[in-house]
Amino acid sequence: MISYAVAVRDGNELFLFLTIARAPAGDVYVNILHGQNGPEWKPWEPHASYHASGQHRQSSFDRKGLVFKRQRPDQNFRGAENVVTMPFPASEAHRLNKPCNSADFHSVLEISTNDLAAANTDISIDVAAPNAGAIIRPGAKIIQQIEFKDAVPWILVTVFV
């Protein structure tokens, strides 16, 4: 399993915001941290997934909330498909208070708290053919973007306002 992280840098501290993993079969998982601890919160585990079959899901509490059939992420993949888009407030990473150790991941997208100052900052995670654009709202300004190129389609992470 190849794993990536999105983390917020505040001075010398680095806080985890979400993780992304790609399984050997090609499935992509975006794990959304929620900051709740204890066994009673274990079933929550909010996440979005894009599977080798083309099935796209957003799930939590062991239930598939949204299920879509999209194109398969294989050699015929074209364009981009959104896995999840969500708000990205700097305060959330502090609230989660999960230190990020870069050595635990293949790569980490670090974004500073200064870059997240806008009230309407969002993050989009897409699977995308090489050089395809991110799926973000028209007129949005990209603050930071990274392409994880371990396999095709790439995983494209975009922070924007």
Protein backbone atom coordinates (compact mmCIF):
# COMPACT_ATOMS: atom_id res chain seq x y z
CA MET A 1 0.00 0.00 0.00
CA ILE A 2 1.36 3.42 -0.94
CA SER A 3 0.34 6.17 1.47
CA TYR A 4 0.33 9.95 1.29
CA ALA A 5 -0.61 12.67 3.74
CA VAL A 6 -1.97 16.19 3.66
CA ALA A 7 -0.70 18.15 6.63
CA VAL A 8 -0.74 21.69 7.99
CA ARG A 9 2.55 23.35 8.93
CA ASP A 10 2.38 25.79 11.84
CA GLY A 11 5.91 26.92 12.66
CA ASN A 12 7.83 23.82 13.73
CA GLU A 13 4.69 21.71 14.11
CA LEU A 14 3.14 19.56 11.39
CA PHE A 15 -0.45 18.39 11.90
CA LEU A 16 -2.13 15.63 9.89
CA PHE A 17 -5.36 16.59 8.11
CA LEU A 18 -6.12 13.54 5.96
CA THR A 19 -4.42 10.49 4.47
CA ILE A 20 -4.57 8.97 1.01
CA ALA A 21 -3.67 5.38 0.18
CA ARG A 22 -3.42 3.45 -3.08
CA ALA A 23 -3.73 -0.34 -2.84
CA PRO A 24 -1.77 -2.62 -5.19
CA ALA A 25 -5.03 -3.42 -7.04
CA GLY A 26 -5.44 0.30 -7.82
CA ASP A 27 -8.09 1.26 -5.25
CA VAL A 28 -7.64 4.80 -3.85
CA TYR A 29 -8.79 5.63 -0.31
CA VAL A 30 -9.09 9.11 1.23
CA ASN A 31 -9.31 8.80 5.01
CA ILE A 32 -10.80 11.85 6.67
CA LEU A 33 -9.59 12.34 10.22
CA HIS A 34 -12.26 13.26 12.77
CA GLY A 35 -10.36 13.72 16.01
CA GLN A 36 -12.60 11.50 18.12
CA ASN A 37 -10.90 8.78 20.15
CA GLY A 38 -12.13 5.66 21.84
CA PRO A 39 -13.84 2.47 20.71
CA GLU A 40 -17.25 4.14 20.47
CA TRP A 41 -15.93 6.31 17.59
CA LYS A 42 -14.20 3.51 15.65
CA PRO A 43 -17.25 2.76 13.46
CA TRP A 44 -17.36 6.37 12.22
CA GLU A 45 -14.23 6.26 10.03
CA PRO A 46 -15.38 8.68 7.29
CA HIS A 47 -13.67 8.00 3.97
CA ALA A 48 -14.06 8.18 0.23
CA SER A 49 -12.84 5.49 -2.12
CA TYR A 50 -12.37 4.98 -5.85
CA HIS A 51 -12.03 1.32 -6.75
CA ALA A 52 -10.34 -0.54 -9.60
CA SER A 53 -13.86 -1.57 -10.71
CA GLY A 54 -14.76 2.11 -11.22
CA GLN A 55 -17.03 2.17 -8.18
CA HIS A 56 -16.75 5.42 -6.22
CA ARG A 57 -18.03 5.53 -2.64
CA GLN A 58 -18.26 7.93 0.25
CA SER A 59 -18.80 6.06 3.49
CA SER A 60 -18.92 6.24 7.26
CA PHE A 61 -20.37 4.22 10.13
CA ASP A 62 -19.74 1.11 7.99
CA ARG A 63 -22.34 2.33 5.47
CA LYS A 64 -21.94 3.32 1.86
CA GLY A 65 -23.50 6.78 1.79
CA LEU A 66 -22.96 7.66 -1.85
CA VAL A 67 -22.13 5.09 -4.53
CA PHE A 68 -21.39 5.92 -8.16
CA LYS A 69 -20.13 3.96 -11.14
CA ARG A 70 -17.28 5.82 -12.87
CA GLN A 71 -14.61 4.87 -15.37
CA ARG A 72 -12.08 2.25 -14.35
CA PRO A 73 -8.72 3.65 -13.23
CA ASP A 74 -6.72 1.70 -15.81
CA GLN A 75 -4.71 2.35 -19.00
CA ASN A 76 -7.89 3.61 -20.74
CA PHE A 77 -8.58 6.27 -18.07
CA ARG A 78 -9.20 9.75 -19.52
CA GLY A 79 -9.62 13.15 -17.88
CA ALA A 80 -10.25 13.30 -14.15
CA GLU A 81 -12.75 11.98 -11.62
CA ASN A 82 -13.30 13.57 -8.23
CA VAL A 83 -12.91 11.35 -5.17
CA VAL A 84 -13.82 14.02 -2.61
CA THR A 85 -13.92 17.81 -2.22
CA MET A 86 -14.32 19.33 1.22
CA PRO A 87 -13.58 22.45 3.29
CA PHE A 88 -9.99 22.80 4.50
CA PRO A 89 -9.87 25.23 7.45
CA ALA A 90 -6.51 25.59 9.22
CA SER A 91 -8.28 25.37 12.58
CA GLU A 92 -9.39 21.81 11.82
CA ALA A 93 -5.84 20.44 11.73
CA HIS A 94 -5.16 22.08 15.13
CA ARG A 95 -8.40 20.71 16.54
CA LEU A 96 -7.49 17.20 15.36
CA ASN A 97 -4.08 17.61 17.03
CA LYS A 98 -2.57 14.61 15.21
CA PRO A 99 1.16 15.17 14.71
CA CYS A 100 2.35 14.17 11.24
CA ASN A 101 5.58 12.22 10.93
CA SER A 102 6.65 12.60 7.29
CA ALA A 103 8.65 9.37 7.51
CA ASP A 104 5.37 7.42 7.86
CA PHE A 105 4.30 8.37 4.30
CA HIS A 106 5.67 8.09 0.78
CA SER A 107 5.02 11.80 0.33
CA VAL A 108 3.38 14.64 2.25
CA LEU A 109 1.67 17.76 0.92
CA GLU A 110 2.50 20.40 3.53
CA ILE A 111 0.52 23.60 3.52
CA SER A 112 1.18 26.47 5.91
CA THR A 113 -1.46 27.95 8.18
CA ASN A 114 -0.84 31.29 6.41
CA ASP A 115 -1.98 29.76 3.11
CA LEU A 116 -5.18 28.52 4.76
CA ALA A 117 -6.19 31.91 6.13
CA ALA A 118 -9.10 32.35 3.71
CA ALA A 119 -12.45 31.36 5.15
CA ASN A 120 -13.45 29.45 2.03
CA THR A 121 -10.38 27.26 1.48
CA ASP A 122 -11.22 23.81 0.06
CA ILE A 123 -9.32 20.67 -0.86
CA SER A 124 -10.05 18.40 -3.80
CA ILE A 125 -8.66 14.90 -4.29
CA ASP A 126 -9.03 13.56 -7.82
CA VAL A 127 -7.79 10.60 -9.81
CA ALA A 128 -6.52 12.04 -13.08
CA ALA A 129 -4.87 11.04 -16.31
CA PRO A 130 -1.38 12.56 -16.67
CA ASN A 131 -1.60 16.33 -17.10
CA ALA A 132 -5.39 16.44 -16.62
CA GLY A 133 -6.71 19.36 -14.61
CA ALA A 134 -8.22 19.29 -11.16
CA ILE A 135 -11.97 19.24 -10.67
CA ILE A 136 -12.55 22.51 -8.82
CA ARG A 137 -15.15 25.26 -9.07
CA PRO A 138 -14.81 27.68 -12.00
CA GLY A 139 -12.74 30.76 -11.19
CA ALA A 140 -11.09 29.14 -8.17
CA LYS A 141 -7.52 30.13 -7.34
CA ILE A 142 -5.15 27.23 -6.71
CA ILE A 143 -3.08 27.77 -3.56
CA GLN A 144 -1.13 24.52 -3.76
CA GLN A 145 -1.26 21.34 -5.80
CA ILE A 146 0.62 18.05 -5.93
CA GLU A 147 0.47 15.08 -8.27
CA PHE A 148 1.23 11.66 -6.81
CA LYS A 149 2.53 9.77 -9.84
CA ASP A 150 3.07 6.26 -8.46
CA ALA A 151 0.57 4.84 -10.98
CA VAL A 152 -1.83 5.94 -13.72
CA PRO A 153 -4.20 7.55 -13.11
CA TRP A 154 -2.32 9.94 -10.88
CA ILE A 155 -3.73 11.18 -7.58
CA LEU A 156 -4.14 14.94 -7.80
CA VAL A 157 -4.51 16.96 -4.58
CA THR A 158 -5.51 20.61 -4.95
CA VAL A 159 -5.95 23.25 -2.25
CA PHE A 160 -7.91 26.23 -3.54
CA VAL A 161 -10.04 29.27 -2.71
